[in-house]
Amino acid sequence: MLGRPLLSQRVPDLRAVIRATGGPVRLAARGVMTVPALLALSSEVKSAYFAGGIPSYRALLDQEEPSFPLAYLAFGALAGGRDLPTDSRVRHGREWTAAAILG
């Protein structure tokens, strides 16, 4: 637990819960849990609903006072050319949409 980023703790936890259900899952996340839920998407997830998340990591970093905890910024994500819109459009061959995004 100590020494590991919060995001890297929550994503495996969510994936374990999804696997433990043993069947198709409908995933819903709001606020700070939208990023871990997005990264935990797998083929077992039948549908997903995200509300109140951030539009992108770039938007988070461009804010003078971030409205979202920086603990949910994936280490090295922007350096590798990845961002949340890229991750959220297509994961596991499915298209996902966000219900409401903070701007």
Protein backbone atom coordinates (compact mmCIF):
# COMPACT_ATOMS: atom_id res chain seq x y z
CA MET A 1 0.00 0.00 0.00
CA LEU A 2 2.71 2.48 0.95
CA GLY A 3 4.87 3.76 -1.86
CA ARG A 4 2.36 2.95 -4.59
CA PRO A 5 0.27 5.59 -6.38
CA LEU A 6 -3.42 5.58 -5.48
CA LEU A 7 -4.41 4.98 -9.10
CA SER A 8 -2.28 1.83 -9.30
CA GLN A 9 -4.02 0.51 -6.18
CA ARG A 10 -7.60 1.18 -7.26
CA VAL A 11 -7.40 -0.20 -10.81
CA PRO A 12 -6.36 -3.74 -9.75
CA ASP A 13 -9.01 -3.67 -7.00
CA LEU A 14 -11.73 -2.83 -9.51
CA ARG A 15 -10.47 -5.48 -11.94
CA ALA A 16 -10.57 -8.08 -9.16
CA VAL A 17 -14.18 -7.20 -8.35
CA ILE A 18 -15.13 -7.39 -12.04
CA ARG A 19 -13.48 -10.82 -12.37
CA ALA A 20 -15.07 -12.06 -9.13
CA THR A 21 -18.59 -11.47 -10.43
CA GLY A 22 -18.06 -14.18 -13.03
CA GLY A 23 -20.27 -12.65 -15.68
CA PRO A 24 -21.13 -9.56 -17.64
CA VAL A 25 -20.88 -6.44 -15.48
CA ARG A 26 -22.46 -3.02 -15.76
CA LEU A 27 -19.95 -0.53 -14.41
CA ALA A 28 -20.83 2.95 -13.14
CA ALA A 29 -18.43 5.54 -11.75
CA ARG A 30 -18.77 9.13 -10.61
CA GLY A 31 -16.25 11.84 -9.81
CA VAL A 32 -12.78 10.72 -8.78
CA MET A 33 -13.57 7.06 -9.48
CA THR A 34 -14.10 7.65 -13.22
CA VAL A 35 -10.39 7.42 -14.04
CA PRO A 36 -9.75 4.12 -12.20
CA ALA A 37 -13.00 2.68 -13.62
CA LEU A 38 -12.03 3.69 -17.15
CA LEU A 39 -8.62 2.04 -16.78
CA ALA A 40 -10.21 -1.08 -15.27
CA LEU A 41 -12.50 -1.72 -18.26
CA SER A 42 -12.22 -5.24 -19.57
CA SER A 43 -14.07 -7.62 -21.86
CA GLU A 44 -16.28 -8.67 -18.89
CA VAL A 45 -17.82 -5.17 -18.74
CA LYS A 46 -21.06 -5.13 -20.71
CA SER A 47 -21.74 -1.40 -20.31
CA ALA A 48 -20.21 1.54 -18.48
CA TYR A 49 -21.50 4.89 -17.24
CA PHE A 50 -19.10 7.66 -16.24
CA ALA A 51 -20.29 10.94 -14.71
CA GLY A 52 -18.44 13.94 -13.30
CA GLY A 53 -14.96 12.96 -14.41
CA ILE A 54 -12.25 14.99 -16.10
CA PRO A 55 -12.19 15.45 -19.89
CA SER A 56 -8.46 14.72 -20.16
CA TYR A 57 -5.21 14.64 -18.23
CA ARG A 58 -4.08 17.66 -20.24
CA ALA A 59 -7.14 19.66 -19.12
CA LEU A 60 -6.36 18.71 -15.53
CA LEU A 61 -2.79 19.99 -15.78
CA ASP A 62 -3.82 23.19 -17.58
CA GLN A 63 -5.93 24.30 -14.60
CA GLU A 64 -4.27 26.70 -12.19
CA GLU A 65 -5.98 24.96 -9.28
CA PRO A 66 -6.90 21.41 -10.34
CA SER A 67 -10.50 20.40 -9.64
CA PHE A 68 -9.51 16.74 -9.53
CA PRO A 69 -6.85 15.04 -7.33
CA LEU A 70 -3.50 14.73 -9.09
CA ALA A 71 -3.22 11.25 -7.54
CA TYR A 72 -5.36 10.04 -10.46
CA LEU A 73 -2.90 11.23 -13.09
CA ALA A 74 -1.30 8.12 -14.59
CA PHE A 75 2.48 8.40 -14.35
CA GLY A 76 4.01 9.08 -17.78
CA ALA A 77 0.66 9.06 -19.61
CA LEU A 78 1.14 12.34 -21.43
CA ALA A 79 4.79 11.67 -22.22
CA GLY A 80 3.72 8.53 -24.05
CA GLY A 81 1.16 10.43 -26.12
CA ARG A 82 -1.80 8.88 -24.28
CA ASP A 83 -4.63 10.78 -22.69
CA LEU A 84 -8.08 9.95 -21.34
CA PRO A 85 -10.00 10.71 -24.57
CA THR A 86 -7.74 8.24 -26.39
CA ASP A 87 -8.29 5.61 -23.70
CA SER A 88 -12.02 6.23 -23.39
CA ARG A 89 -13.02 6.13 -27.05
CA VAL A 90 -12.17 2.49 -27.66
CA ARG A 91 -11.23 -0.07 -25.03
CA HIS A 92 -11.50 -3.79 -25.65
CA GLY A 93 -13.17 -3.31 -29.01
CA ARG A 94 -16.08 -1.30 -27.61
CA GLU A 95 -16.90 2.37 -27.67
CA TRP A 96 -17.58 4.03 -24.31
CA THR A 97 -19.17 7.39 -23.66
CA ALA A 98 -19.13 9.69 -20.68
CA ALA A 99 -22.39 11.09 -19.33
CA ALA A 100 -21.11 14.34 -17.88
CA ILE A 101 -17.60 15.68 -17.75
CA LEU A 102 -16.21 18.50 -15.67
CA GLY A 103 -14.93 21.29 -17.88
